[in-house]
PDB file of all heavy atoms in Angstrom:
ATOM      1  N   SER A   1      49.423  37.763 -43.764  1.00  0.00           N
ATOM      2  CA  SER A   1      49.065  36.384 -44.269  1.00  0.00           C
ATOM      3  C   SER A   1      50.219  35.716 -45.021  1.00  0.00           C
ATOM      4  O   SER A   1      50.053  34.754 -45.734  1.00  0.00           O
ATOM      5  CB  SER A   1      47.845  36.447 -45.180  1.00  0.00           C
ATOM      6  OG  SER A   1      48.065  37.300 -46.238  1.00  0.00           O
ATOM      7  N   ASP A   2      51.436  36.290 -44.866  1.00  0.00           N
ATOM      8  CA  ASP A   2      52.606  35.703 -45.468  1.00  0.00           C
ATOM      9  C   ASP A   2      53.237  34.725 -44.513  1.00  0.00           C
ATOM     10  O   ASP A   2      53.941  35.064 -43.573  1.00  0.00           O
ATOM     11  CB  ASP A   2      53.622  36.786 -45.835  1.00  0.00           C
ATOM     12  CG  ASP A   2      54.890  36.265 -46.448  1.00  0.00           C
ATOM     13  OD1 ASP A   2      54.948  35.003 -46.743  1.00  0.00           O
ATOM     14  OD2 ASP A   2      55.863  37.074 -46.630  1.00  0.00           O
ATOM     15  N   PHE A   3      52.938  33.440 -44.687  1.00  0.00           N
ATOM     16  CA  PHE A   3      53.389  32.398 -43.788  1.00  0.00           C
ATOM     17  C   PHE A   3      54.598  31.603 -44.342  1.00  0.00           C
ATOM     18  O   PHE A   3      54.870  30.512 -43.955  1.00  0.00           O
ATOM     19  CB  PHE A   3      52.217  31.417 -43.498  1.00  0.00           C
ATOM     20  CG  PHE A   3      50.968  32.090 -43.072  1.00  0.00           C
ATOM     21  CD1 PHE A   3      49.756  31.750 -43.595  1.00  0.00           C
ATOM     22  CD2 PHE A   3      50.986  33.042 -42.081  1.00  0.00           C
ATOM     23  CE1 PHE A   3      48.554  32.371 -43.221  1.00  0.00           C
ATOM     24  CE2 PHE A   3      49.847  33.716 -41.628  1.00  0.00           C
ATOM     25  CZ  PHE A   3      48.620  33.329 -42.207  1.00  0.00           C
ATOM     26  N   SER A   4      55.236  32.170 -45.305  1.00  0.00           N
ATOM     27  CA  SER A   4      56.362  31.492 -46.002  1.00  0.00           C
ATOM     28  C   SER A   4      57.458  31.017 -45.018  1.00  0.00           C
ATOM     29  O   SER A   4      58.071  29.961 -45.179  1.00  0.00           O
ATOM     30  CB  SER A   4      56.936  32.351 -47.093  1.00  0.00           C
ATOM     31  OG  SER A   4      57.385  33.600 -46.612  1.00  0.00           O
ATOM     32  N   ALA A   5      57.730  31.827 -44.006  1.00  0.00           N
ATOM     33  CA  ALA A   5      58.751  31.440 -43.068  1.00  0.00           C
ATOM     34  C   ALA A   5      58.417  30.262 -42.235  1.00  0.00           C
ATOM     35  O   ALA A   5      59.233  29.340 -41.987  1.00  0.00           O
ATOM     36  CB  ALA A   5      59.063  32.623 -42.104  1.00  0.00           C
ATOM     37  N   VAL A   6      57.110  30.132 -41.921  1.00  0.00           N
ATOM     38  CA  VAL A   6      56.622  28.929 -41.195  1.00  0.00           C
ATOM     39  C   VAL A   6      56.681  27.705 -42.088  1.00  0.00           C
ATOM     40  O   VAL A   6      57.109  26.624 -41.689  1.00  0.00           O
ATOM     41  CB  VAL A   6      55.194  29.236 -40.642  1.00  0.00           C
ATOM     42  CG1 VAL A   6      54.699  27.969 -39.908  1.00  0.00           C
ATOM     43  CG2 VAL A   6      55.216  30.420 -39.741  1.00  0.00           C
ATOM     44  N   GLU A   7      56.228  27.927 -43.292  1.00  0.00           N
ATOM     45  CA  GLU A   7      56.253  26.774 -44.270  1.00  0.00           C
ATOM     46  C   GLU A   7      57.647  26.328 -44.542  1.00  0.00           C
ATOM     47  O   GLU A   7      57.936  25.129 -44.659  1.00  0.00           O
ATOM     48  CB  GLU A   7      55.542  27.217 -45.548  1.00  0.00           C
ATOM     49  CG  GLU A   7      54.020  27.493 -45.317  1.00  0.00           C
ATOM     50  CD  GLU A   7      53.431  28.332 -46.481  1.00  0.00           C
ATOM     51  OE1 GLU A   7      54.158  28.949 -47.265  1.00  0.00           O
ATOM     52  OE2 GLU A   7      52.192  28.404 -46.553  1.00  0.00           O
ATOM     53  N   ASP A   8      58.564  27.304 -44.645  1.00  0.00           N
ATOM     54  CA  ASP A   8      59.995  26.919 -44.838  1.00  0.00           C
ATOM     55  C   ASP A   8      60.560  26.173 -43.661  1.00  0.00           C
ATOM     56  O   ASP A   8      61.290  25.180 -43.826  1.00  0.00           O
ATOM     57  CB  ASP A   8      60.805  28.180 -45.105  1.00  0.00           C
ATOM     58  CG  ASP A   8      62.296  27.911 -45.331  1.00  0.00           C
ATOM     59  OD1 ASP A   8      62.620  27.237 -46.321  1.00  0.00           O
ATOM     60  OD2 ASP A   8      63.099  28.300 -44.462  1.00  0.00           O
ATOM     61  N   LEU A   9      60.219  26.531 -42.478  1.00  0.00           N
ATOM     62  CA  LEU A   9      60.641  25.827 -41.245  1.00  0.00           C
ATOM     63  C   LEU A   9      60.166  24.331 -41.327  1.00  0.00           C
ATOM     64  O   LEU A   9      60.975  23.460 -40.998  1.00  0.00           O
ATOM     65  CB  LEU A   9      60.002  26.497 -40.006  1.00  0.00           C
ATOM     66  CG  LEU A   9      60.198  25.736 -38.676  1.00  0.00           C
ATOM     67  CD1 LEU A   9      61.659  25.803 -38.266  1.00  0.00           C
ATOM     68  CD2 LEU A   9      59.354  26.393 -37.586  1.00  0.00           C
ATOM     69  N   LEU A  10      58.972  24.135 -41.717  1.00  0.00           N
ATOM     70  CA  LEU A  10      58.433  22.781 -41.821  1.00  0.00           C
ATOM     71  C   LEU A  10      59.126  21.958 -42.936  1.00  0.00           C
ATOM     72  O   LEU A  10      59.353  20.765 -42.812  1.00  0.00           O
ATOM     73  CB  LEU A  10      56.906  22.779 -41.998  1.00  0.00           C
ATOM     74  CG  LEU A  10      56.158  23.216 -40.768  1.00  0.00           C
ATOM     75  CD1 LEU A  10      54.733  23.630 -41.081  1.00  0.00           C
ATOM     76  CD2 LEU A  10      56.138  22.086 -39.721  1.00  0.00           C
ATOM     77  N   ARG A  11      59.442  22.621 -44.070  1.00  0.00           N
ATOM     78  CA  ARG A  11      60.139  21.940 -45.144  1.00  0.00           C
ATOM     79  C   ARG A  11      61.554  21.570 -44.712  1.00  0.00           C
ATOM     80  O   ARG A  11      61.995  20.492 -45.077  1.00  0.00           O
ATOM     81  CB  ARG A  11      60.143  22.866 -46.409  1.00  0.00           C
ATOM     82  CG  ARG A  11      58.912  22.832 -47.206  1.00  0.00           C
ATOM     83  CD  ARG A  11      59.120  23.467 -48.543  1.00  0.00           C
ATOM     84  NE  ARG A  11      59.453  24.858 -48.451  1.00  0.00           N
ATOM     85  CZ  ARG A  11      58.568  25.841 -48.433  1.00  0.00           C
ATOM     86  NH1 ARG A  11      57.288  25.530 -48.574  1.00  0.00           N
ATOM     87  NH2 ARG A  11      58.955  27.105 -48.373  1.00  0.00           N
ATOM     88  N   ARG A  12      62.228  22.472 -44.016  1.00  0.00           N
ATOM     89  CA  ARG A  12      63.626  22.193 -43.621  1.00  0.00           C
ATOM     90  C   ARG A  12      63.768  21.158 -42.528  1.00  0.00           C
ATOM     91  O   ARG A  12      64.810  20.628 -42.292  1.00  0.00           O
ATOM     92  CB  ARG A  12      64.286  23.467 -43.210  1.00  0.00           C
ATOM     93  CG  ARG A  12      64.559  24.450 -44.373  1.00  0.00           C
ATOM     94  CD  ARG A  12      65.352  25.665 -43.941  1.00  0.00           C
ATOM     95  NE  ARG A  12      64.626  26.528 -43.000  1.00  0.00           N
ATOM     96  CZ  ARG A  12      64.856  26.609 -41.708  1.00  0.00           C
ATOM     97  NH1 ARG A  12      65.777  25.846 -41.161  1.00  0.00           N
ATOM     98  NH2 ARG A  12      64.178  27.460 -40.977  1.00  0.00           N
ATOM     99  N   HIS A  13      62.691  20.919 -41.831  1.00  0.00           N
ATOM    100  CA  HIS A  13      62.677  19.964 -40.669  1.00  0.00           C
ATOM    101  C   HIS A  13      61.545  18.947 -40.845  1.00  0.00           C
ATOM    102  O   HIS A  13      60.523  19.070 -40.196  1.00  0.00           O
ATOM    103  CB  HIS A  13      62.562  20.682 -39.373  1.00  0.00           C
ATOM    104  CG  HIS A  13      63.712  21.680 -39.043  1.00  0.00           C
ATOM    105  ND1 HIS A  13      64.905  21.262 -38.595  1.00  0.00           N
ATOM    106  CD2 HIS A  13      63.756  23.010 -39.236  1.00  0.00           C
ATOM    107  CE1 HIS A  13      65.718  22.291 -38.428  1.00  0.00           C
ATOM    108  NE2 HIS A  13      65.039  23.356 -38.793  1.00  0.00           N
ATOM    109  N   PRO A  14      61.750  17.991 -41.767  1.00  0.00           N
ATOM    110  CA  PRO A  14      60.668  17.005 -42.020  1.00  0.00           C
ATOM    111  C   PRO A  14      60.395  16.128 -40.774  1.00  0.00           C
ATOM    112  O   PRO A  14      59.373  15.452 -40.766  1.00  0.00           O
ATOM    113  CB  PRO A  14      61.206  16.211 -43.185  1.00  0.00           C
ATOM    114  CG  PRO A  14      62.695  16.387 -43.181  1.00  0.00           C
ATOM    115  CD  PRO A  14      62.929  17.784 -42.656  1.00  0.00           C
ATOM    116  N   ASP A  15      61.284  16.180 -39.818  1.00  0.00           N
ATOM    117  CA  ASP A  15      61.074  15.364 -38.599  1.00  0.00           C
ATOM    118  C   ASP A  15      60.522  16.162 -37.462  1.00  0.00           C
ATOM    119  O   ASP A  15      60.493  15.703 -36.327  1.00  0.00           O
ATOM    120  CB  ASP A  15      62.423  14.765 -38.175  1.00  0.00           C
ATOM    121  CG  ASP A  15      63.494  15.784 -37.921  1.00  0.00           C
ATOM    122  OD1 ASP A  15      63.341  16.942 -38.416  1.00  0.00           O
ATOM    123  OD2 ASP A  15      64.487  15.483 -37.273  1.00  0.00           O
ATOM    124  N   LEU A  16      60.031  17.408 -37.755  1.00  0.00           N
ATOM    125  CA  LEU A  16      59.474  18.247 -36.690  1.00  0.00           C
ATOM    126  C   LEU A  16      58.245  17.610 -36.065  1.00  0.00           C
ATOM    127  O   LEU A  16      57.271  17.233 -36.738  1.00  0.00           O
ATOM    128  CB  LEU A  16      59.095  19.603 -37.266  1.00  0.00           C
ATOM    129  CG  LEU A  16      59.005  20.755 -36.294  1.00  0.00           C
ATOM    130  CD1 LEU A  16      60.409  21.171 -35.830  1.00  0.00           C
ATOM    131  CD2 LEU A  16      58.329  21.967 -36.973  1.00  0.00           C
ATOM    132  N   ALA A  17      58.296  17.399 -34.743  1.00  0.00           N
ATOM    133  CA  ALA A  17      57.149  16.754 -34.032  1.00  0.00           C
ATOM    134  C   ALA A  17      56.141  17.692 -33.553  1.00  0.00           C
ATOM    135  O   ALA A  17      54.982  17.387 -33.434  1.00  0.00           O
ATOM    136  CB  ALA A  17      57.726  15.926 -32.851  1.00  0.00           C
ATOM    137  N   ALA A  18      56.592  18.935 -33.219  1.00  0.00           N
ATOM    138  CA  ALA A  18      55.648  19.933 -32.704  1.00  0.00           C
ATOM    139  C   ALA A  18      56.051  21.333 -33.099  1.00  0.00           C
ATOM    140  O   ALA A  18      57.159  21.659 -33.398  1.00  0.00           O
ATOM    141  CB  ALA A  18      55.624  19.834 -31.151  1.00  0.00           C
ATOM    142  N   LEU A  19      54.971  22.185 -33.152  1.00  0.00           N
ATOM    143  CA  LEU A  19      55.175  23.594 -33.495  1.00  0.00           C
ATOM    144  C   LEU A  19      54.496  24.452 -32.452  1.00  0.00           C
ATOM    145  O   LEU A  19      53.293  24.290 -32.204  1.00  0.00           O
ATOM    146  CB  LEU A  19      54.613  23.903 -34.859  1.00  0.00           C
ATOM    147  CG  LEU A  19      54.712  25.393 -35.329  1.00  0.00           C
ATOM    148  CD1 LEU A  19      56.148  25.786 -35.543  1.00  0.00           C
ATOM    149  CD2 LEU A  19      53.934  25.549 -36.641  1.00  0.00           C
ATOM    150  N   TYR A  20      55.249  25.347 -31.819  1.00  0.00           N
ATOM    151  CA  TYR A  20      54.691  26.271 -30.855  1.00  0.00           C
ATOM    152  C   TYR A  20      54.530  27.622 -31.480  1.00  0.00           C
ATOM    153  O   TYR A  20      55.457  28.289 -31.848  1.00  0.00           O
ATOM    154  CB  TYR A  20      55.624  26.355 -29.630  1.00  0.00           C
ATOM    155  CG  TYR A  20      55.141  27.352 -28.572  1.00  0.00           C
ATOM    156  CD1 TYR A  20      53.778  27.510 -28.266  1.00  0.00           C
ATOM    157  CD2 TYR A  20      56.064  28.105 -27.833  1.00  0.00           C
ATOM    158  CE1 TYR A  20      53.385  28.415 -27.301  1.00  0.00           C
ATOM    159  CE2 TYR A  20      55.653  29.018 -26.839  1.00  0.00           C
ATOM    160  CZ  TYR A  20      54.289  29.140 -26.572  1.00  0.00           C
ATOM    161  OH  TYR A  20      53.908  29.995 -25.594  1.00  0.00           O
ATOM    162  N   LEU A  21      53.253  28.034 -31.656  1.00  0.00           N
ATOM    163  CA  LEU A  21      52.938  29.334 -32.268  1.00  0.00           C
ATOM    164  C   LEU A  21      52.746  30.334 -31.068  1.00  0.00           C
ATOM    165  O   LEU A  21      51.718  30.330 -30.404  1.00  0.00           O
ATOM    166  CB  LEU A  21      51.687  29.256 -33.086  1.00  0.00           C
ATOM    167  CG  LEU A  21      51.882  28.461 -34.379  1.00  0.00           C
ATOM    168  CD1 LEU A  21      50.562  28.088 -35.016  1.00  0.00           C
ATOM    169  CD2 LEU A  21      52.748  29.272 -35.382  1.00  0.00           C
ATOM    170  N   VAL A  22      53.737  31.167 -30.825  1.00  0.00           N
ATOM    171  CA  VAL A  22      53.747  31.968 -29.623  1.00  0.00           C
ATOM    172  C   VAL A  22      52.726  33.053 -29.605  1.00  0.00           C
ATOM    173  O   VAL A  22      51.822  33.096 -28.750  1.00  0.00           O
ATOM    174  CB  VAL A  22      55.181  32.550 -29.374  1.00  0.00           C
ATOM    175  CG1 VAL A  22      55.248  33.290 -28.061  1.00  0.00           C
ATOM    176  CG2 VAL A  22      56.224  31.462 -29.457  1.00  0.00           C
ATOM    177  N   ASN A  23      52.846  33.997 -30.526  1.00  0.00           N
ATOM    178  CA  ASN A  23      51.843  35.056 -30.683  1.00  0.00           C
ATOM    179  C   ASN A  23      51.222  34.970 -32.063  1.00  0.00           C
ATOM    180  O   ASN A  23      51.968  34.794 -33.056  1.00  0.00           O
ATOM    181  CB  ASN A  23      52.468  36.426 -30.468  1.00  0.00           C
ATOM    182  CG  ASN A  23      52.814  36.694 -29.035  1.00  0.00           C
ATOM    183  OD1 ASN A  23      52.325  36.016 -28.121  1.00  0.00           O
ATOM    184  ND2 ASN A  23      53.649  37.717 -28.764  1.00  0.00           N
ATOM    185  N   LEU A  24      49.933  35.096 -32.158  1.00  0.00           N
ATOM    186  CA  LEU A  24      49.256  34.905 -33.426  1.00  0.00           C
ATOM    187  C   LEU A  24      48.661  36.235 -33.876  1.00  0.00           C
ATOM    188  O   LEU A  24      47.928  36.903 -33.090  1.00  0.00           O
ATOM    189  CB  LEU A  24      48.155  33.808 -33.274  1.00  0.00           C
ATOM    190  CG  LEU A  24      48.640  32.448 -32.945  1.00  0.00           C
ATOM    191  CD1 LEU A  24      47.450  31.513 -32.733  1.00  0.00           C
ATOM    192  CD2 LEU A  24      49.479  31.937 -34.060  1.00  0.00           C
ATOM    193  N   GLY A  25      48.864  36.566 -35.095  1.00  0.00           N
ATOM    194  CA  GLY A  25      48.201  37.725 -35.711  1.00  0.00           C
ATOM    195  C   GLY A  25      47.050  37.221 -36.532  1.00  0.00           C
ATOM    196  O   GLY A  25      45.913  37.187 -36.109  1.00  0.00           O
ATOM    197  N   ASP A  26      47.348  36.683 -37.714  1.00  0.00           N
ATOM    198  CA  ASP A  26      46.330  36.004 -38.580  1.00  0.00           C
ATOM    199  C   ASP A  26      46.299  34.530 -38.129  1.00  0.00           C
ATOM    200  O   ASP A  26      47.240  33.771 -38.365  1.00  0.00           O
ATOM    201  CB  ASP A  26      46.729  36.137 -40.017  1.00  0.00           C
ATOM    202  CG  ASP A  26      45.676  35.548 -40.972  1.00  0.00           C
ATOM    203  OD1 ASP A  26      44.876  34.778 -40.476  1.00  0.00           O
ATOM    204  OD2 ASP A  26      45.692  35.952 -42.171  1.00  0.00           O
ATOM    205  N   PHE A  27      45.210  34.122 -37.507  1.00  0.00           N
ATOM    206  CA  PHE A  27      45.127  32.777 -36.969  1.00  0.00           C
ATOM    207  C   PHE A  27      45.111  31.673 -38.011  1.00  0.00           C
ATOM    208  O   PHE A  27      45.265  30.481 -37.687  1.00  0.00           O
ATOM    209  CB  PHE A  27      43.943  32.656 -36.041  1.00  0.00           C
ATOM    210  CG  PHE A  27      44.111  33.358 -34.714  1.00  0.00           C
ATOM    211  CD1 PHE A  27      43.984  34.754 -34.597  1.00  0.00           C
ATOM    212  CD2 PHE A  27      44.398  32.617 -33.583  1.00  0.00           C
ATOM    213  CE1 PHE A  27      44.120  35.389 -33.398  1.00  0.00           C
ATOM    214  CE2 PHE A  27      44.527  33.256 -32.348  1.00  0.00           C
ATOM    215  CZ  PHE A  27      44.443  34.659 -32.272  1.00  0.00           C
ATOM    216  N   SER A  28      44.905  32.042 -39.271  1.00  0.00           N
ATOM    217  CA  SER A  28      44.957  31.007 -40.293  1.00  0.00           C
ATOM    218  C   SER A  28      46.352  30.462 -40.536  1.00  0.00           C
ATOM    219  O   SER A  28      46.485  29.493 -41.295  1.00  0.00           O
ATOM    220  CB  SER A  28      44.389  31.638 -41.604  1.00  0.00           C
ATOM    221  OG  SER A  28      45.093  32.790 -42.009  1.00  0.00           O
ATOM    222  N   VAL A  29      47.315  31.002 -39.834  1.00  0.00           N
ATOM    223  CA  VAL A  29      48.666  30.416 -39.889  1.00  0.00           C
ATOM    224  C   VAL A  29      48.641  28.947 -39.426  1.00  0.00           C
ATOM    225  O   VAL A  29      49.425  28.134 -39.840  1.00  0.00           O
ATOM    226  CB  VAL A  29      49.699  31.219 -39.088  1.00  0.00           C
ATOM    227  CG1 VAL A  29      49.348  31.218 -37.593  1.00  0.00           C
ATOM    228  CG2 VAL A  29      51.105  30.766 -39.267  1.00  0.00           C
ATOM    229  N   CYS A  30      47.694  28.666 -38.496  1.00  0.00           N
ATOM    230  CA  CYS A  30      47.602  27.281 -38.006  1.00  0.00           C
ATOM    231  C   CYS A  30      47.177  26.307 -39.186  1.00  0.00           C
ATOM    232  O   CYS A  30      47.785  25.237 -39.279  1.00  0.00           O
ATOM    233  CB  CYS A  30      46.546  27.153 -36.945  1.00  0.00           C
ATOM    234  SG  CYS A  30      46.893  28.236 -35.518  1.00  0.00           S
ATOM    235  N   ARG A  31      46.247  26.754 -40.014  1.00  0.00           N
ATOM    236  CA  ARG A  31      45.871  25.882 -41.160  1.00  0.00           C
ATOM    237  C   ARG A  31      47.038  25.797 -42.137  1.00  0.00           C
ATOM    238  O   ARG A  31      47.284  24.701 -42.734  1.00  0.00           O
ATOM    239  CB  ARG A  31      44.645  26.483 -41.843  1.00  0.00           C
ATOM    240  CG  ARG A  31      43.381  26.451 -40.969  1.00  0.00           C
ATOM    241  CD  ARG A  31      42.171  26.881 -41.820  1.00  0.00           C
ATOM    242  NE  ARG A  31      40.993  26.957 -40.984  1.00  0.00           N
ATOM    243  CZ  ARG A  31      40.202  25.919 -40.663  1.00  0.00           C
ATOM    244  NH1 ARG A  31      40.572  24.730 -41.093  1.00  0.00           N
ATOM    245  NH2 ARG A  31      39.153  26.055 -39.912  1.00  0.00           N
ATOM    246  N   ALA A  32      47.754  26.890 -42.338  1.00  0.00           N
ATOM    247  CA  ALA A  32      48.879  26.864 -43.281  1.00  0.00           C
ATOM    248  C   ALA A  32      49.933  25.931 -42.819  1.00  0.00           C
ATOM    249  O   ALA A  32      50.577  25.163 -43.597  1.00  0.00           O
ATOM    250  CB  ALA A  32      49.438  28.286 -43.421  1.00  0.00           C
ATOM    251  N   ALA A  33      50.212  25.909 -41.505  1.00  0.00           N
ATOM    252  CA  ALA A  33      51.201  25.002 -40.950  1.00  0.00           C
ATOM    253  C   ALA A  33      50.773  23.556 -41.067  1.00  0.00           C
ATOM    254  O   ALA A  33      51.628  22.673 -41.459  1.00  0.00           O
ATOM    255  CB  ALA A  33      51.462  25.325 -39.454  1.00  0.00           C
ATOM    256  N   ARG A  34      49.507  23.291 -40.811  1.00  0.00           N
ATOM    257  CA  ARG A  34      49.017  21.876 -40.981  1.00  0.00           C
ATOM    258  C   ARG A  34      49.145  21.415 -42.412  1.00  0.00           C
ATOM    259  O   ARG A  34      49.549  20.303 -42.697  1.00  0.00           O
ATOM    260  CB  ARG A  34      47.573  21.861 -40.465  1.00  0.00           C
ATOM    261  CG  ARG A  34      46.943  20.489 -40.614  1.00  0.00           C
ATOM    262  CD  ARG A  34      47.564  19.459 -39.761  1.00  0.00           C
ATOM    263  NE  ARG A  34      47.412  19.783 -38.356  1.00  0.00           N
ATOM    264  CZ  ARG A  34      47.955  19.097 -37.376  1.00  0.00           C
ATOM    265  NH1 ARG A  34      48.840  18.138 -37.634  1.00  0.00           N
ATOM    266  NH2 ARG A  34      47.741  19.408 -36.095  1.00  0.00           N
ATOM    267  N   GLU A  35      48.800  22.310 -43.395  1.00  0.00           N
ATOM    268  CA  GLU A  35      48.884  21.934 -44.802  1.00  0.00           C
ATOM    269  C   GLU A  35      50.353  21.703 -45.197  1.00  0.00           C
ATOM    270  O   GLU A  35      50.694  20.771 -45.937  1.00  0.00           O
ATOM    271  CB  GLU A  35      48.278  23.029 -45.669  1.00  0.00           C
ATOM    272  CG  GLU A  35      46.752  23.119 -45.533  1.00  0.00           C
ATOM    273  CD  GLU A  35      46.155  24.284 -46.266  1.00  0.00           C
ATOM    274  OE1 GLU A  35      46.905  24.975 -46.976  1.00  0.00           O
ATOM    275  OE2 GLU A  35      44.975  24.545 -46.124  1.00  0.00           O
ATOM    276  N   ALA A  36      51.254  22.577 -44.709  1.00  0.00           N
ATOM    277  CA  ALA A  36      52.633  22.393 -45.000  1.00  0.00           C
ATOM    278  C   ALA A  36      53.254  21.121 -44.469  1.00  0.00           C
ATOM    279  O   ALA A  36      54.207  20.583 -45.021  1.00  0.00           O
ATOM    280  CB  ALA A  36      53.475  23.605 -44.499  1.00  0.00           C
ATOM    281  N   ALA A  37      52.675  20.614 -43.361  1.00  0.00           N
ATOM    282  CA  ALA A  37      53.156  19.387 -42.736  1.00  0.00           C
ATOM    283  C   ALA A  37      52.789  18.159 -43.595  1.00  0.00           C
ATOM    284  O   ALA A  37      53.377  17.066 -43.478  1.00  0.00           O
ATOM    285  CB  ALA A  37      52.613  19.245 -41.371  1.00  0.00           C
ATOM    286  N   GLY A  38      51.795  18.307 -44.450  1.00  0.00           N
ATOM    287  CA  GLY A  38      51.310  17.201 -45.275  1.00  0.00           C
ATOM    288  C   GLY A  38      50.693  16.064 -44.437  1.00  0.00           C
ATOM    289  O   GLY A  38      49.925  16.339 -43.515  1.00  0.00           O
ATOM    290  N   ASP A  39      51.032  14.854 -44.764  1.00  0.00           N
ATOM    291  CA  ASP A  39      50.415  13.722 -44.061  1.00  0.00           C
ATOM    292  C   ASP A  39      51.119  13.372 -42.772  1.00  0.00           C
ATOM    293  O   ASP A  39      50.606  12.566 -41.964  1.00  0.00           O
ATOM    294  CB  ASP A  39      50.469  12.451 -45.003  1.00  0.00           C
ATOM    295  CG  ASP A  39      49.588  12.657 -46.240  1.00  0.00           C
ATOM    296  OD1 ASP A  39      48.647  13.445 -46.147  1.00  0.00           O
ATOM    297  OD2 ASP A  39      49.923  12.067 -47.282  1.00  0.00           O
ATOM    298  N   ARG A  40      52.278  13.918 -42.491  1.00  0.00           N
ATOM    299  CA  ARG A  40      52.995  13.542 -41.256  1.00  0.00           C
ATOM    300  C   ARG A  40      52.277  14.192 -40.037  1.00  0.00           C
ATOM    301  O   ARG A  40      51.690  15.243 -40.154  1.00  0.00           O
ATOM    302  CB  ARG A  40      54.420  14.010 -41.338  1.00  0.00           C
ATOM    303  CG  ARG A  40      54.591  15.520 -41.492  1.00  0.00           C
ATOM    304  CD  ARG A  40      56.074  15.912 -41.541  1.00  0.00           C
ATOM    305  NE  ARG A  40      56.307  17.194 -42.168  1.00  0.00           N
ATOM    306  CZ  ARG A  40      57.086  18.117 -41.680  1.00  0.00           C
ATOM    307  NH1 ARG A  40      57.660  17.967 -40.499  1.00  0.00           N
ATOM    308  NH2 ARG A  40      57.256  19.242 -42.332  1.00  0.00           N
ATOM    309  N   PRO A  41      52.338  13.536 -38.902  1.00  0.00           N
ATOM    310  CA  PRO A  41      51.724  14.074 -37.717  1.00  0.00           C
ATOM    311  C   PRO A  41      52.482  15.341 -37.226  1.00  0.00           C
ATOM    312  O   PRO A  41      53.703  15.411 -37.287  1.00  0.00           O
ATOM    313  CB  PRO A  41      51.811  12.967 -36.695  1.00  0.00           C
ATOM    314  CG  PRO A  41      52.972  12.144 -37.147  1.00  0.00           C
ATOM    315  CD  PRO A  41      52.934  12.239 -38.662  1.00  0.00           C
ATOM    316  N   LEU A  42      51.745  16.327 -36.745  1.00  0.00           N
ATOM    317  CA  LEU A  42      52.375  17.565 -36.236  1.00  0.00           C
ATOM    318  C   LEU A  42      51.494  18.111 -35.118  1.00  0.00           C
ATOM    319  O   LEU A  42      50.338  18.386 -35.293  1.00  0.00           O
ATOM    320  CB  LEU A  42      52.539  18.619 -37.309  1.00  0.00           C
ATOM    321  CG  LEU A  42      53.105  19.944 -36.846  1.00  0.00           C
ATOM    322  CD1 LEU A  42      54.584  19.788 -36.485  1.00  0.00           C
ATOM    323  CD2 LEU A  42      52.971  21.019 -37.944  1.00  0.00           C
ATOM    324  N   VAL A  43      52.073  18.169 -33.906  1.00  0.00           N
ATOM    325  CA  VAL A  43      51.450  18.782 -32.793  1.00  0.00           C
ATOM    326  C   VAL A  43      51.560  20.339 -32.919  1.00  0.00           C
ATOM    327  O   VAL A  43      52.659  20.819 -33.078  1.00  0.00           O
ATOM    328  CB  VAL A  43      52.062  18.314 -31.458  1.00  0.00           C
ATOM    329  CG1 VAL A  43      51.573  19.116 -30.278  1.00  0.00           C
ATOM    330  CG2 VAL A  43      51.776  16.845 -31.278  1.00  0.00           C
TER     331      VAL A  43
END
């Protein structure tokens, strides 16, 4: 449940339009990514 690398990816790329989650262990990473994106749209 350590999603810090994903959250860091979103912070470093505020213009990220889409995120491809290839293999999922803890599926709550999807919620963490959406929260890290804030109000901006993210596919």
